[in-house]
Amino acid sequence: MKLLLDQNLSRRILPAIKEEFPESTHVVHLGMDRDDDLDIWNHALSEGFVIMTKDKDFLQRSVLVGHPPKVIHLTIGNCPAQKIADLILSERGQLKAFGKHASKSYLLLR
């Protein structure tokens, strides 16, 4: 699974999850940190990414138009990057199953 971390998530999460999600990246690394949500959505769609975000707009778009791309919406509020990385790694089985599920468009991760 290729995760595309949105701008509202720290870039410091990537090194901690790279072993489990090696093709993942952050919008900053793609030069998209100032792009609007639709541009990020379209990039994720064309490149096979799953969007990981705290932004409700991506969740709403997913509900309206479905997938791809799939969306993982983190609902944990402000916390250190390592705590988010730990959550991602502790839920890696659920994340990978979600990525393979044919009909699920979004996943809420708390």
PDB file of N, CA and C in Angstrom:
ATOM      1  N   MET A   1       0.846  -1.175   0.000  1.00  0.00           N
ATOM      2  CA  MET A   1       0.000   0.000   0.000  1.00  0.00           C
ATOM      3  C   MET A   1       0.888   1.233   0.000  1.00  0.00           C
ATOM      4  N   LYS A   2       0.573   2.149  -0.886  1.00  0.00           N
ATOM      5  CA  LYS A   2       1.283   3.416  -0.987  1.00  0.00           C
ATOM      6  C   LYS A   2       0.453   4.491  -0.312  1.00  0.00           C
ATOM      7  N   LEU A   3       0.955   5.017   0.793  1.00  0.00           N
ATOM      8  CA  LEU A   3       0.262   6.083   1.507  1.00  0.00           C
ATOM      9  C   LEU A   3       0.766   7.434   1.032  1.00  0.00           C
ATOM     10  N   LEU A   4      -0.153   8.358   0.831  1.00  0.00           N
ATOM     11  CA  LEU A   4       0.188   9.746   0.538  1.00  0.00           C
ATOM     12  C   LEU A   4      -0.260  10.568   1.734  1.00  0.00           C
ATOM     13  N   LEU A   5       0.714  11.018   2.526  1.00  0.00           N
ATOM     14  CA  LEU A   5       0.401  11.796   3.720  1.00  0.00           C
ATOM     15  C   LEU A   5       0.097  13.235   3.336  1.00  0.00           C
ATOM     16  N   ASP A   6      -1.022  13.722   3.805  1.00  0.00           N
ATOM     17  CA  ASP A   6      -1.469  15.076   3.520  1.00  0.00           C
ATOM     18  C   ASP A   6      -0.640  16.073   4.324  1.00  0.00           C
ATOM     19  N   GLN A   7      -0.755  17.346   3.943  1.00  0.00           N
ATOM     20  CA  GLN A   7       0.039  18.398   4.572  1.00  0.00           C
ATOM     21  C   GLN A   7      -0.260  18.593   6.053  1.00  0.00           C
ATOM     22  N   ASN A   8      -1.393  18.120   6.530  1.00  0.00           N
ATOM     23  CA  ASN A   8      -1.721  18.281   7.950  1.00  0.00           C
ATOM     24  C   ASN A   8      -1.094  17.193   8.817  1.00  0.00           C
ATOM     25  N   LEU A   9      -0.296  16.326   8.201  1.00  0.00           N
ATOM     26  CA  LEU A   9       0.462  15.317   8.933  1.00  0.00           C
ATOM     27  C   LEU A   9       1.952  15.615   8.794  1.00  0.00           C
ATOM     28  N   SER A  10       2.693  15.324   9.828  1.00  0.00           N
ATOM     29  CA  SER A  10       4.117  15.617   9.831  1.00  0.00           C
ATOM     30  C   SER A  10       4.896  14.712   8.878  1.00  0.00           C
ATOM     31  N   ARG A  11       5.886  15.296   8.219  1.00  0.00           N
ATOM     32  CA  ARG A  11       6.800  14.512   7.375  1.00  0.00           C
ATOM     33  C   ARG A  11       7.610  13.532   8.207  1.00  0.00           C
ATOM     34  N   ARG A  12       7.747  13.808   9.497  1.00  0.00           N
ATOM     35  CA  ARG A  12       8.553  12.950  10.373  1.00  0.00           C
ATOM     36  C   ARG A  12       7.920  11.587  10.614  1.00  0.00           C
ATOM     37  N   ILE A  13       6.702  11.404  10.168  1.00  0.00           N
ATOM     38  CA  ILE A  13       6.043  10.100  10.278  1.00  0.00           C
ATOM     39  C   ILE A  13       6.668   9.100   9.305  1.00  0.00           C
ATOM     40  N   LEU A  14       7.065   9.582   8.131  1.00  0.00           N
ATOM     41  CA  LEU A  14       7.541   8.693   7.066  1.00  0.00           C
ATOM     42  C   LEU A  14       8.681   7.757   7.467  1.00  0.00           C
ATOM     43  N   PRO A  15       9.762   8.256   8.052  1.00  0.00           N
ATOM     44  CA  PRO A  15      10.852   7.323   8.389  1.00  0.00           C
ATOM     45  C   PRO A  15      10.409   6.185   9.313  1.00  0.00           C
ATOM     46  N   ALA A  16       9.469   6.458  10.182  1.00  0.00           N
ATOM     47  CA  ALA A  16       9.006   5.439  11.130  1.00  0.00           C
ATOM     48  C   ALA A  16       8.143   4.369  10.469  1.00  0.00           C
ATOM     49  N   ILE A  17       7.506   4.682   9.347  1.00  0.00           N
ATOM     50  CA  ILE A  17       6.601   3.718   8.700  1.00  0.00           C
ATOM     51  C   ILE A  17       7.167   3.160   7.398  1.00  0.00           C
ATOM     52  N   LYS A  18       8.346   3.618   6.969  1.00  0.00           N
ATOM     53  CA  LYS A  18       8.905   3.241   5.668  1.00  0.00           C
ATOM     54  C   LYS A  18       9.090   1.736   5.501  1.00  0.00           C
ATOM     55  N   GLU A  19       9.438   1.039   6.562  1.00  0.00           N
ATOM     56  CA  GLU A  19       9.654  -0.402   6.441  1.00  0.00           C
ATOM     57  C   GLU A  19       8.355  -1.129   6.079  1.00  0.00           C
ATOM     58  N   GLU A  20       7.260  -0.738   6.693  1.00  0.00           N
ATOM     59  CA  GLU A  20       5.956  -1.362   6.426  1.00  0.00           C
ATOM     60  C   GLU A  20       5.284  -0.806   5.175  1.00  0.00           C
ATOM     61  N   PHE A  21       5.518   0.454   4.880  1.00  0.00           N
ATOM     62  CA  PHE A  21       4.872   1.132   3.753  1.00  0.00           C
ATOM     63  C   PHE A  21       5.942   1.848   2.922  1.00  0.00           C
ATOM     64  N   PRO A  22       6.809   1.083   2.257  1.00  0.00           N
ATOM     65  CA  PRO A  22       8.001   1.649   1.615  1.00  0.00           C
ATOM     66  C   PRO A  22       7.747   2.621   0.465  1.00  0.00           C
ATOM     67  N   GLU A  23       6.627   2.542  -0.189  1.00  0.00           N
ATOM     68  CA  GLU A  23       6.364   3.430  -1.325  1.00  0.00           C
ATOM     69  C   GLU A  23       5.599   4.685  -0.913  1.00  0.00           C
ATOM     70  N   SER A  24       5.438   4.886   0.365  1.00  0.00           N
ATOM     71  CA  SER A  24       4.682   6.031   0.863  1.00  0.00           C
ATOM     72  C   SER A  24       5.501   7.307   0.753  1.00  0.00           C
ATOM     73  N   THR A  25       4.788   8.426   0.686  1.00  0.00           N
ATOM     74  CA  THR A  25       5.443   9.722   0.614  1.00  0.00           C
ATOM     75  C   THR A  25       4.540  10.783   1.235  1.00  0.00           C
ATOM     76  N   HIS A  26       5.038  11.979   1.240  1.00  0.00           N
ATOM     77  CA  HIS A  26       4.326  13.126   1.804  1.00  0.00           C
ATOM     78  C   HIS A  26       4.121  14.145   0.688  1.00  0.00           C
ATOM     79  N   VAL A  27       3.026  14.904   0.738  1.00  0.00           N
ATOM     80  CA  VAL A  27       2.766  15.891  -0.306  1.00  0.00           C
ATOM     81  C   VAL A  27       3.918  16.887  -0.455  1.00  0.00           C
ATOM     82  N   VAL A  28       4.620  17.185   0.625  1.00  0.00           N
ATOM     83  CA  VAL A  28       5.768  18.099   0.557  1.00  0.00           C
ATOM     84  C   VAL A  28       6.849  17.533  -0.359  1.00  0.00           C
ATOM     85  N   HIS A  29       7.092  16.230  -0.278  1.00  0.00           N
ATOM     86  CA  HIS A  29       8.132  15.602  -1.090  1.00  0.00           C
ATOM     87  C   HIS A  29       7.775  15.607  -2.571  1.00  0.00           C
ATOM     88  N   LEU A  30       6.505  15.787  -2.872  1.00  0.00           N
ATOM     89  CA  LEU A  30       6.046  15.848  -4.265  1.00  0.00           C
ATOM     90  C   LEU A  30       5.875  17.290  -4.747  1.00  0.00           C
ATOM     91  N   GLY A  31       6.185  18.250  -3.866  1.00  0.00           N
ATOM     92  CA  GLY A  31       6.003  19.655  -4.215  1.00  0.00           C
ATOM     93  C   GLY A  31       4.533  20.061  -4.268  1.00  0.00           C
ATOM     94  N   MET A  32       3.695  19.320  -3.539  1.00  0.00           N
ATOM     95  CA  MET A  32       2.250  19.569  -3.588  1.00  0.00           C
ATOM     96  C   MET A  32       1.699  20.151  -2.289  1.00  0.00           C
ATOM     97  N   ASP A  33       2.559  20.638  -1.423  1.00  0.00           N
ATOM     98  CA  ASP A  33       2.106  21.109  -0.110  1.00  0.00           C
ATOM     99  C   ASP A  33       1.222  22.344  -0.189  1.00  0.00           C
ATOM    100  N   ARG A  34       1.215  23.046  -1.302  1.00  0.00           N
ATOM    101  CA  ARG A  34       0.343  24.214  -1.465  1.00  0.00           C
ATOM    102  C   ARG A  34      -0.782  23.946  -2.469  1.00  0.00           C
ATOM    103  N   ASP A  35      -0.841  22.718  -2.964  1.00  0.00           N
ATOM    104  CA  ASP A  35      -1.886  22.364  -3.926  1.00  0.00           C
ATOM    105  C   ASP A  35      -3.222  22.181  -3.216  1.00  0.00           C
ATOM    106  N   ASP A  36      -4.289  22.364  -3.965  1.00  0.00           N
ATOM    107  CA  ASP A  36      -5.604  22.176  -3.358  1.00  0.00           C
ATOM    108  C   ASP A  36      -5.944  20.682  -3.282  1.00  0.00           C
ATOM    109  N   ASP A  37      -6.993  20.389  -2.543  1.00  0.00           N
ATOM    110  CA  ASP A  37      -7.374  18.999  -2.291  1.00  0.00           C
ATOM    111  C   ASP A  37      -7.665  18.232  -3.578  1.00  0.00           C
ATOM    112  N   LEU A  38      -8.266  18.884  -4.552  1.00  0.00           N
ATOM    113  CA  LEU A  38      -8.596  18.196  -5.796  1.00  0.00           C
ATOM    114  C   LEU A  38      -7.332  17.756  -6.539  1.00  0.00           C
ATOM    115  N   ASP A  39      -6.308  18.608  -6.531  1.00  0.00           N
ATOM    116  CA  ASP A  39      -5.043  18.229  -7.172  1.00  0.00           C
ATOM    117  C   ASP A  39      -4.414  17.040  -6.463  1.00  0.00           C
ATOM    118  N   ILE A  40      -4.444  17.044  -5.144  1.00  0.00           N
ATOM    119  CA  ILE A  40      -3.896  15.932  -4.367  1.00  0.00           C
ATOM    120  C   ILE A  40      -4.710  14.669  -4.625  1.00  0.00           C
ATOM    121  N   TRP A  41      -6.020  14.800  -4.657  1.00  0.00           N
ATOM    122  CA  TRP A  41      -6.915  13.671  -4.949  1.00  0.00           C
ATOM    123  C   TRP A  41      -6.576  13.067  -6.313  1.00  0.00           C
ATOM    124  N   ASN A  42      -6.453  13.922  -7.323  1.00  0.00           N
ATOM    125  CA  ASN A  42      -6.170  13.447  -8.674  1.00  0.00           C
ATOM    126  C   ASN A  42      -4.796  12.796  -8.784  1.00  0.00           C
ATOM    127  N   HIS A  43      -3.819  13.330  -8.070  1.00  0.00           N
ATOM    128  CA  HIS A  43      -2.493  12.716  -8.070  1.00  0.00           C
ATOM    129  C   HIS A  43      -2.549  11.329  -7.428  1.00  0.00           C
ATOM    130  N   ALA A  44      -3.227  11.241  -6.297  1.00  0.00           N
ATOM    131  CA  ALA A  44      -3.377   9.942  -5.628  1.00  0.00           C
ATOM    132  C   ALA A  44      -4.090   8.954  -6.544  1.00  0.00           C
ATOM    133  N   LEU A  45      -5.087   9.405  -7.236  1.00  0.00           N
ATOM    134  CA  LEU A  45      -5.835   8.567  -8.170  1.00  0.00           C
ATOM    135  C   LEU A  45      -4.930   8.050  -9.292  1.00  0.00           C
ATOM    136  N   SER A  46      -4.177   8.930  -9.901  1.00  0.00           N
ATOM    137  CA  SER A  46      -3.353   8.536 -11.047  1.00  0.00           C
ATOM    138  C   SER A  46      -2.133   7.706 -10.655  1.00  0.00           C
ATOM    139  N   GLU A  47      -1.659   7.867  -9.422  1.00  0.00           N
ATOM    140  CA  GLU A  47      -0.438   7.173  -9.001  1.00  0.00           C
ATOM    141  C   GLU A  47      -0.688   6.004  -8.046  1.00  0.00           C
ATOM    142  N   GLY A  48      -1.946   5.711  -7.741  1.00  0.00           N
ATOM    143  CA  GLY A  48      -2.269   4.553  -6.919  1.00  0.00           C
ATOM    144  C   GLY A  48      -2.011   4.715  -5.430  1.00  0.00           C
ATOM    145  N   PHE A  49      -2.112   5.940  -4.936  1.00  0.00           N
ATOM    146  CA  PHE A  49      -1.918   6.198  -3.515  1.00  0.00           C
ATOM    147  C   PHE A  49      -3.229   6.087  -2.750  1.00  0.00           C
ATOM    148  N   VAL A  50      -3.113   5.782  -1.464  1.00  0.00           N
ATOM    149  CA  VAL A  50      -4.191   5.913  -0.496  1.00  0.00           C
ATOM    150  C   VAL A  50      -3.880   7.194   0.275  1.00  0.00           C
ATOM    151  N   ILE A  51      -4.819   8.119   0.323  1.00  0.00           N
ATOM    152  CA  ILE A  51      -4.603   9.390   1.020  1.00  0.00           C
ATOM    153  C   ILE A  51      -4.792   9.188   2.516  1.00  0.00           C
ATOM    154  N   MET A  52      -3.805   9.634   3.292  1.00  0.00           N
ATOM    155  CA  MET A  52      -3.924   9.625   4.748  1.00  0.00           C
ATOM    156  C   MET A  52      -3.951  11.083   5.191  1.00  0.00           C
ATOM    157  N   THR A  53      -4.975  11.439   5.978  1.00  0.00           N
ATOM    158  CA  THR A  53      -5.195  12.837   6.293  1.00  0.00           C
ATOM    159  C   THR A  53      -5.962  13.010   7.594  1.00  0.00           C
ATOM    160  N   LYS A  54      -5.960  14.231   8.090  1.00  0.00           N
ATOM    161  CA  LYS A  54      -6.855  14.636   9.174  1.00  0.00           C
ATOM    162  C   LYS A  54      -7.942  15.557   8.628  1.00  0.00           C
ATOM    163  N   ASP A  55      -7.913  15.811   7.341  1.00  0.00           N
ATOM    164  CA  ASP A  55      -8.807  16.740   6.663  1.00  0.00           C
ATOM    165  C   ASP A  55     -10.143  16.077   6.335  1.00  0.00           C
ATOM    166  N   LYS A  56     -11.213  16.609   6.874  1.00  0.00           N
ATOM    167  CA  LYS A  56     -12.554  16.053   6.626  1.00  0.00           C
ATOM    168  C   LYS A  56     -12.990  16.207   5.174  1.00  0.00           C
ATOM    169  N   ASP A  57     -12.389  17.149   4.452  1.00  0.00           N
ATOM    170  CA  ASP A  57     -12.774  17.357   3.051  1.00  0.00           C
ATOM    171  C   ASP A  57     -12.512  16.107   2.213  1.00  0.00           C
ATOM    172  N   PHE A  58     -11.391  15.435   2.446  1.00  0.00           N
ATOM    173  CA  PHE A  58     -11.103  14.207   1.699  1.00  0.00           C
ATOM    174  C   PHE A  58     -12.112  13.113   2.051  1.00  0.00           C
ATOM    175  N   LEU A  59     -12.468  13.031   3.309  1.00  0.00           N
ATOM    176  CA  LEU A  59     -13.470  12.052   3.740  1.00  0.00           C
ATOM    177  C   LEU A  59     -14.807  12.332   3.047  1.00  0.00           C
ATOM    178  N   GLN A  60     -15.215  13.579   3.023  1.00  0.00           N
ATOM    179  CA  GLN A  60     -16.471  13.946   2.379  1.00  0.00           C
ATOM    180  C   GLN A  60     -16.448  13.630   0.889  1.00  0.00           C
ATOM    181  N   ARG A  61     -15.340  13.930   0.234  1.00  0.00           N
ATOM    182  CA  ARG A  61     -15.222  13.619  -1.195  1.00  0.00           C
ATOM    183  C   ARG A  61     -15.318  12.117  -1.418  1.00  0.00           C
ATOM    184  N   SER A  62     -14.692  11.348  -0.540  1.00  0.00           N
ATOM    185  CA  SER A  62     -14.728   9.894  -0.648  1.00  0.00           C
ATOM    186  C   SER A  62     -16.156   9.367  -0.518  1.00  0.00           C
ATOM    187  N   VAL A  63     -16.906   9.932   0.419  1.00  0.00           N
ATOM    188  CA  VAL A  63     -18.302   9.527   0.610  1.00  0.00           C
ATOM    189  C   VAL A  63     -19.128   9.875  -0.633  1.00  0.00           C
ATOM    190  N   LEU A  64     -18.864  11.021  -1.225  1.00  0.00           N
ATOM    191  CA  LEU A  64     -19.640  11.474  -2.379  1.00  0.00           C
ATOM    192  C   LEU A  64     -19.316  10.725  -3.667  1.00  0.00           C
ATOM    193  N   VAL A  65     -18.021  10.524  -3.935  1.00  0.00           N
ATOM    194  CA  VAL A  65     -17.635   9.959  -5.238  1.00  0.00           C
ATOM    195  C   VAL A  65     -17.052   8.559  -5.163  1.00  0.00           C
ATOM    196  N   GLY A  66     -16.823   8.062  -3.956  1.00  0.00           N
ATOM    197  CA  GLY A  66     -16.256   6.722  -3.824  1.00  0.00           C
ATOM    198  C   GLY A  66     -14.760   6.696  -4.077  1.00  0.00           C
ATOM    199  N   HIS A  67     -14.284   5.553  -4.479  1.00  0.00           N
ATOM    200  CA  HIS A  67     -12.855   5.393  -4.713  1.00  0.00           C
ATOM    201  C   HIS A  67     -12.618   4.780  -6.084  1.00  0.00           C
ATOM    202  N   PRO A  68     -11.420   4.799  -6.592  1.00  0.00           N
ATOM    203  CA  PRO A  68     -10.194   5.308  -5.995  1.00  0.00           C
ATOM    204  C   PRO A  68     -10.109   6.832  -6.068  1.00  0.00           C
ATOM    205  N   PRO A  69      -9.228   7.414  -5.313  1.00  0.00           N
ATOM    206  CA  PRO A  69      -8.368   6.810  -4.307  1.00  0.00           C
ATOM    207  C   PRO A  69      -9.126   6.565  -3.009  1.00  0.00           C
ATOM    208  N   LYS A  70      -8.594   5.679  -2.231  1.00  0.00           N
ATOM    209  CA  LYS A  70      -9.145   5.439  -0.903  1.00  0.00           C
ATOM    210  C   LYS A  70      -8.602   6.496   0.062  1.00  0.00           C
ATOM    211  N   VAL A  71      -9.312   6.690   1.171  1.00  0.00           N
ATOM    212  CA  VAL A  71      -8.928   7.708   2.146  1.00  0.00           C
ATOM    213  C   VAL A  71      -8.886   7.089   3.535  1.00  0.00           C
ATOM    214  N   ILE A  72      -7.806   7.350   4.241  1.00  0.00           N
ATOM    215  CA  ILE A  72      -7.705   7.007   5.661  1.00  0.00           C
ATOM    216  C   ILE A  72      -7.753   8.324   6.418  1.00  0.00           C
ATOM    217  N   HIS A  73      -8.799   8.484   7.218  1.00  0.00           N
ATOM    218  CA  HIS A  73      -8.999   9.723   7.966  1.00  0.00           C
ATOM    219  C   HIS A  73      -8.614   9.488   9.422  1.00  0.00           C
ATOM    220  N   LEU A  74      -7.593  10.199   9.879  1.00  0.00           N
ATOM    221  CA  LEU A  74      -7.146  10.108  11.269  1.00  0.00           C
ATOM    222  C   LEU A  74      -7.954  11.077  12.112  1.00  0.00           C
ATOM    223  N   THR A  75      -8.525  10.561  13.170  1.00  0.00           N
ATOM    224  CA  THR A  75      -9.380  11.387  14.029  1.00  0.00           C
ATOM    225  C   THR A  75      -8.798  11.518  15.430  1.00  0.00           C
ATOM    226  N   ILE A  76      -7.493  11.643  15.522  1.00  0.00           N
ATOM    227  CA  ILE A  76      -6.845  11.622  16.836  1.00  0.00           C
ATOM    228  C   ILE A  76      -6.421  12.993  17.349  1.00  0.00           C
ATOM    229  N   GLY A  77      -6.682  14.049  16.612  1.00  0.00           N
ATOM    230  CA  GLY A  77      -6.333  15.379  17.084  1.00  0.00           C
ATOM    231  C   GLY A  77      -4.842  15.637  17.027  1.00  0.00           C
ATOM    232  N   ASN A  78      -4.416  16.717  17.653  1.00  0.00           N
ATOM    233  CA  ASN A  78      -3.003  17.085  17.646  1.00  0.00           C
ATOM    234  C   ASN A  78      -2.229  16.190  18.600  1.00  0.00           C
ATOM    235  N   CYS A  79      -1.147  15.636  18.093  1.00  0.00           N
ATOM    236  CA  CYS A  79      -0.275  14.792  18.909  1.00  0.00           C
ATOM    237  C   CYS A  79       1.067  14.675  18.201  1.00  0.00           C
ATOM    238  N   PRO A  80       2.077  14.186  18.898  1.00  0.00           N
ATOM    239  CA  PRO A  80       3.399  14.059  18.282  1.00  0.00           C
ATOM    240  C   PRO A  80       3.400  13.106  17.087  1.00  0.00           C
ATOM    241  N   ALA A  81       4.309  13.362  16.158  1.00  0.00           N
ATOM    242  CA  ALA A  81       4.435  12.520  14.963  1.00  0.00           C
ATOM    243  C   ALA A  81       4.671  11.062  15.328  1.00  0.00           C
ATOM    244  N   GLN A  82       5.449  10.816  16.356  1.00  0.00           N
ATOM    245  CA  GLN A  82       5.738   9.433  16.736  1.00  0.00           C
ATOM    246  C   GLN A  82       4.480   8.695  17.200  1.00  0.00           C
ATOM    247  N   LYS A  83       3.586   9.404  17.860  1.00  0.00           N
ATOM    248  CA  LYS A  83       2.335   8.770  18.283  1.00  0.00           C
ATOM    249  C   LYS A  83       1.496   8.361  17.066  1.00  0.00           C
ATOM    250  N   ILE A  84       1.477   9.204  16.050  1.00  0.00           N
ATOM    251  CA  ILE A  84       0.747   8.869  14.828  1.00  0.00           C
ATOM    252  C   ILE A  84       1.421   7.691  14.128  1.00  0.00           C
ATOM    253  N   ALA A  85       2.744   7.715  14.052  1.00  0.00           N
ATOM    254  CA  ALA A  85       3.476   6.604  13.441  1.00  0.00           C
ATOM    255  C   ALA A  85       3.194   5.303  14.191  1.00  0.00           C
ATOM    256  N   ASP A  86       3.194   5.366  15.508  1.00  0.00           N
ATOM    257  CA  ASP A  86       2.901   4.175  16.312  1.00  0.00           C
ATOM    258  C   ASP A  86       1.489   3.660  16.038  1.00  0.00           C
ATOM    259  N   LEU A  87       0.532   4.563  15.891  1.00  0.00           N
ATOM    260  CA  LEU A  87      -0.841   4.166  15.570  1.00  0.00           C
ATOM    261  C   LEU A  87      -0.894   3.471  14.208  1.00  0.00           C
ATOM    262  N   ILE A  88      -0.244   4.068  13.227  1.00  0.00           N
ATOM    263  CA  ILE A  88      -0.224   3.483  11.878  1.00  0.00           C
ATOM    264  C   ILE A  88       0.365   2.077  11.922  1.00  0.00           C
ATOM    265  N   LEU A  89       1.474   1.924  12.618  1.00  0.00           N
ATOM    266  CA  LEU A  89       2.126   0.614  12.677  1.00  0.00           C
ATOM    267  C   LEU A  89       1.305  -0.394  13.477  1.00  0.00           C
ATOM    268  N   SER A  90       0.660   0.055  14.538  1.00  0.00           N
ATOM    269  CA  SER A  90      -0.144  -0.877  15.333  1.00  0.00           C
ATOM    270  C   SER A  90      -1.383  -1.338  14.577  1.00  0.00           C
ATOM    271  N   GLU A  91      -1.836  -0.553  13.616  1.00  0.00           N
ATOM    272  CA  GLU A  91      -3.027  -0.876  12.825  1.00  0.00           C
ATOM    273  C   GLU A  91      -2.675  -1.307  11.401  1.00  0.00           C
ATOM    274  N   ARG A  92      -1.410  -1.656  11.160  1.00  0.00           N
ATOM    275  CA  ARG A  92      -0.975  -1.977   9.793  1.00  0.00           C
ATOM    276  C   ARG A  92      -1.773  -3.095   9.159  1.00  0.00           C
ATOM    277  N   GLY A  93      -2.167  -4.098   9.927  1.00  0.00           N
ATOM    278  CA  GLY A  93      -2.979  -5.177   9.383  1.00  0.00           C
ATOM    279  C   GLY A  93      -4.316  -4.667   8.886  1.00  0.00           C
ATOM    280  N   GLN A  94      -4.958  -3.846   9.689  1.00  0.00           N
ATOM    281  CA  GLN A  94      -6.242  -3.255   9.304  1.00  0.00           C
ATOM    282  C   GLN A  94      -6.069  -2.349   8.081  1.00  0.00           C
ATOM    283  N   LEU A  95      -4.984  -1.576   8.040  1.00  0.00           N
ATOM    284  CA  LEU A  95      -4.741  -0.676   6.914  1.00  0.00           C
ATOM    285  C   LEU A  95      -4.543  -1.455   5.622  1.00  0.00           C
ATOM    286  N   LYS A  96      -3.750  -2.501   5.696  1.00  0.00           N
ATOM    287  CA  LYS A  96      -3.484  -3.296   4.491  1.00  0.00           C
ATOM    288  C   LYS A  96      -4.736  -4.030   4.022  1.00  0.00           C
ATOM    289  N   ALA A  97      -5.537  -4.526   4.947  1.00  0.00           N
ATOM    290  CA  ALA A  97      -6.797  -5.180   4.571  1.00  0.00           C
ATOM    291  C   ALA A  97      -7.739  -4.174   3.914  1.00  0.00           C
ATOM    292  N   PHE A  98      -7.789  -2.968   4.457  1.00  0.00           N
ATOM    293  CA  PHE A  98      -8.608  -1.903   3.868  1.00  0.00           C
ATOM    294  C   PHE A  98      -8.151  -1.602   2.444  1.00  0.00           C
ATOM    295  N   GLY A  99      -6.851  -1.520   2.240  1.00  0.00           N
ATOM    296  CA  GLY A  99      -6.317  -1.231   0.913  1.00  0.00           C
ATOM    297  C   GLY A  99      -6.721  -2.256  -0.124  1.00  0.00           C
ATOM    298  N   LYS A 100      -6.894  -3.499   0.285  1.00  0.00           N
ATOM    299  CA  LYS A 100      -7.254  -4.580  -0.639  1.00  0.00           C
ATOM    300  C   LYS A 100      -8.759  -4.774  -0.783  1.00  0.00           C
ATOM    301  N   HIS A 101      -9.540  -4.181   0.124  1.00  0.00           N
ATOM    302  CA  HIS A 101     -10.988  -4.384   0.109  1.00  0.00           C
ATOM    303  C   HIS A 101     -11.590  -3.709  -1.120  1.00  0.00           C
ATOM    304  N   ALA A 102     -12.388  -4.436  -1.857  1.00  0.00           N
ATOM    305  CA  ALA A 102     -12.920  -3.952  -3.134  1.00  0.00           C
ATOM    306  C   ALA A 102     -13.924  -2.811  -3.000  1.00  0.00           C
ATOM    307  N   SER A 103     -14.708  -2.786  -1.925  1.00  0.00           N
ATOM    308  CA  SER A 103     -15.802  -1.808  -1.889  1.00  0.00           C
ATOM    309  C   SER A 103     -15.633  -0.679  -0.880  1.00  0.00           C
ATOM    310  N   LYS A 104     -14.693  -0.778   0.036  1.00  0.00           N
ATOM    311  CA  LYS A 104     -14.538   0.278   1.045  1.00  0.00           C
ATOM    312  C   LYS A 104     -13.757   1.465   0.480  1.00  0.00           C
ATOM    313  N   SER A 105     -14.329   2.656   0.680  1.00  0.00           N
ATOM    314  CA  SER A 105     -13.717   3.884   0.168  1.00  0.00           C
ATOM    315  C   SER A 105     -12.889   4.611   1.214  1.00  0.00           C
ATOM    316  N   TYR A 106     -13.290   4.510   2.470  1.00  0.00           N
ATOM    317  CA  TYR A 106     -12.590   5.243   3.513  1.00  0.00           C
ATOM    318  C   TYR A 106     -12.512   4.419   4.788  1.00  0.00           C
ATOM    319  N   LEU A 107     -11.534   4.798   5.600  1.00  0.00           N
ATOM    320  CA  LEU A 107     -11.322   4.153   6.893  1.00  0.00           C
ATOM    321  C   LEU A 107     -11.078   5.249   7.914  1.00  0.00           C
ATOM    322  N   LEU A 108     -11.783   5.192   9.027  1.00  0.00           N
ATOM    323  CA  LEU A 108     -11.546   6.103  10.141  1.00  0.00           C
ATOM    324  C   LEU A 108     -10.585   5.427  11.098  1.00  0.00           C
ATOM    325  N   LEU A 109      -9.519   6.112  11.423  1.00  0.00           N
ATOM    326  CA  LEU A 109      -8.512   5.557  12.317  1.00  0.00           C
ATOM    327  C   LEU A 109      -8.393   6.468  13.522  1.00  0.00           C
ATOM    328  N   ARG A 110      -8.623   5.885  14.705  1.00  0.00           N
ATOM    329  CA  ARG A 110      -8.617   6.665  15.951  1.00  0.00           C
ATOM    330  C   ARG A 110      -7.430   6.290  16.818  1.00  0.00           C
TER     331      ARG A 110
END
